[in-house]
Amino acid sequence: MNIEPGLRLLTTPEVAELLGVREETLILWRCRRRYPLPFFKIGRLVRYRRADVLNFIEANRHPGTEAKA
């Protein structure tokens, strides 16, 4: 895994805001491994790469019904 120098990792509150969920929800997902959202555990700190969060969002996109012309 390559970590780019100077990469700023996101905190749980930042990711929760990005996803539109409560921090507690994100914590439950992480503890129960409900969704494949990668994270780093650095001591007691939990951090996320922005690219991983954006990939998670894209992977969970479902096609909607398209209006027919």
C-alpha atoms as a PDB file:
ATOM      1  CA  MET A   1       0.000   0.000   0.000  1.00  0.00           C
ATOM      2  CA  ASN A   2       1.396   3.390  -0.958  1.00  0.00           C
ATOM      3  CA  ILE A   3       0.855   6.347   1.321  1.00  0.00           C
ATOM      4  CA  GLU A   4       1.606   9.621  -0.364  1.00  0.00           C
ATOM      5  CA  PRO A   5       3.801  12.022   1.629  1.00  0.00           C
ATOM      6  CA  GLY A   6       1.882  14.813   3.350  1.00  0.00           C
ATOM      7  CA  LEU A   7      -1.406  12.942   3.006  1.00  0.00           C
ATOM      8  CA  ARG A   8      -4.003  14.291   5.414  1.00  0.00           C
ATOM      9  CA  LEU A   9      -6.153  11.500   6.783  1.00  0.00           C
ATOM     10  CA  LEU A  10      -9.795  12.155   7.686  1.00  0.00           C
ATOM     11  CA  THR A  11     -11.230  11.774  11.168  1.00  0.00           C
ATOM     12  CA  THR A  12     -14.415   9.921  12.070  1.00  0.00           C
ATOM     13  CA  PRO A  13     -16.425  13.184  12.388  1.00  0.00           C
ATOM     14  CA  GLU A  14     -15.217  14.326   8.958  1.00  0.00           C
ATOM     15  CA  VAL A  15     -16.134  11.035   7.290  1.00  0.00           C
ATOM     16  CA  ALA A  16     -19.497  10.928   9.050  1.00  0.00           C
ATOM     17  CA  GLU A  17     -20.254  14.392   7.679  1.00  0.00           C
ATOM     18  CA  LEU A  18     -19.135  13.389   4.178  1.00  0.00           C
ATOM     19  CA  LEU A  19     -21.390  10.328   4.243  1.00  0.00           C
ATOM     20  CA  GLY A  20     -24.288  12.101   5.945  1.00  0.00           C
ATOM     21  CA  VAL A  21     -24.415   9.690   8.876  1.00  0.00           C
ATOM     22  CA  ARG A  22     -23.903  10.074  12.615  1.00  0.00           C
ATOM     23  CA  GLU A  23     -20.482   9.349  14.067  1.00  0.00           C
ATOM     24  CA  GLU A  24     -22.035   6.560  16.118  1.00  0.00           C
ATOM     25  CA  THR A  25     -23.284   4.908  12.928  1.00  0.00           C
ATOM     26  CA  LEU A  26     -19.818   4.994  11.409  1.00  0.00           C
ATOM     27  CA  ILE A  27     -18.363   3.515  14.597  1.00  0.00           C
ATOM     28  CA  LEU A  28     -20.901   0.670  14.491  1.00  0.00           C
ATOM     29  CA  TRP A  29     -20.118  -0.031  10.837  1.00  0.00           C
ATOM     30  CA  ARG A  30     -16.447  -0.216  11.712  1.00  0.00           C
ATOM     31  CA  CYS A  31     -16.834  -2.418  14.797  1.00  0.00           C
ATOM     32  CA  ARG A  32     -19.281  -4.819  13.166  1.00  0.00           C
ATOM     33  CA  ARG A  33     -17.478  -4.742   9.800  1.00  0.00           C
ATOM     34  CA  ARG A  34     -20.807  -4.036   8.211  1.00  0.00           C
ATOM     35  CA  TYR A  35     -19.410  -2.224   5.170  1.00  0.00           C
ATOM     36  CA  PRO A  36     -16.011  -2.530   3.472  1.00  0.00           C
ATOM     37  CA  LEU A  37     -14.816   0.991   4.306  1.00  0.00           C
ATOM     38  CA  PRO A  38     -11.043   0.812   4.846  1.00  0.00           C
ATOM     39  CA  PHE A  39      -9.542   2.682   7.789  1.00  0.00           C
ATOM     40  CA  PHE A  40      -6.250   3.055   9.596  1.00  0.00           C
ATOM     41  CA  LYS A  41      -5.840   2.378  13.289  1.00  0.00           C
ATOM     42  CA  ILE A  42      -2.934   4.396  14.684  1.00  0.00           C
ATOM     43  CA  GLY A  43      -2.816   3.715  18.399  1.00  0.00           C
ATOM     44  CA  ARG A  44      -6.282   4.696  19.577  1.00  0.00           C
ATOM     45  CA  LEU A  45      -6.846   6.954  16.581  1.00  0.00           C
ATOM     46  CA  VAL A  46      -8.959   5.911  13.612  1.00  0.00           C
ATOM     47  CA  ARG A  47      -8.336   7.644  10.315  1.00  0.00           C
ATOM     48  CA  TYR A  48      -9.596   7.285   6.741  1.00  0.00           C
ATOM     49  CA  ARG A  49      -8.102   8.130   3.365  1.00  0.00           C
ATOM     50  CA  ARG A  50     -10.313  10.504   1.403  1.00  0.00           C
ATOM     51  CA  ALA A  51      -9.857   8.370  -1.740  1.00  0.00           C
ATOM     52  CA  ASP A  52     -11.107   5.284   0.137  1.00  0.00           C
ATOM     53  CA  VAL A  53     -14.210   7.148   1.314  1.00  0.00           C
ATOM     54  CA  LEU A  54     -14.944   8.427  -2.204  1.00  0.00           C
ATOM     55  CA  ASN A  55     -14.438   4.897  -3.620  1.00  0.00           C
ATOM     56  CA  PHE A  56     -16.816   3.556  -0.961  1.00  0.00           C
ATOM     57  CA  ILE A  57     -19.454   6.090  -2.002  1.00  0.00           C
ATOM     58  CA  GLU A  58     -19.038   5.225  -5.681  1.00  0.00           C
ATOM     59  CA  ALA A  59     -19.126   1.472  -5.009  1.00  0.00           C
ATOM     60  CA  ASN A  60     -22.490   1.886  -3.293  1.00  0.00           C
ATOM     61  CA  ARG A  61     -24.077   3.861  -6.107  1.00  0.00           C
ATOM     62  CA  HIS A  62     -27.126   2.178  -7.560  1.00  0.00           C
ATOM     63  CA  PRO A  63     -28.461   2.999 -10.993  1.00  0.00           C
ATOM     64  CA  GLY A  64     -31.710   4.897 -10.828  1.00  0.00           C
ATOM     65  CA  THR A  65     -34.589   4.625 -13.209  1.00  0.00           C
ATOM     66  CA  GLU A  66     -33.962   6.787 -16.200  1.00  0.00           C
ATOM     67  CA  ALA A  67     -36.730   8.883 -17.655  1.00  0.00           C
ATOM     68  CA  LYS A  68     -37.608   7.769 -21.158  1.00  0.00           C
ATOM     69  CA  ALA A  69     -37.930  10.463 -23.784  1.00  0.00           C
END
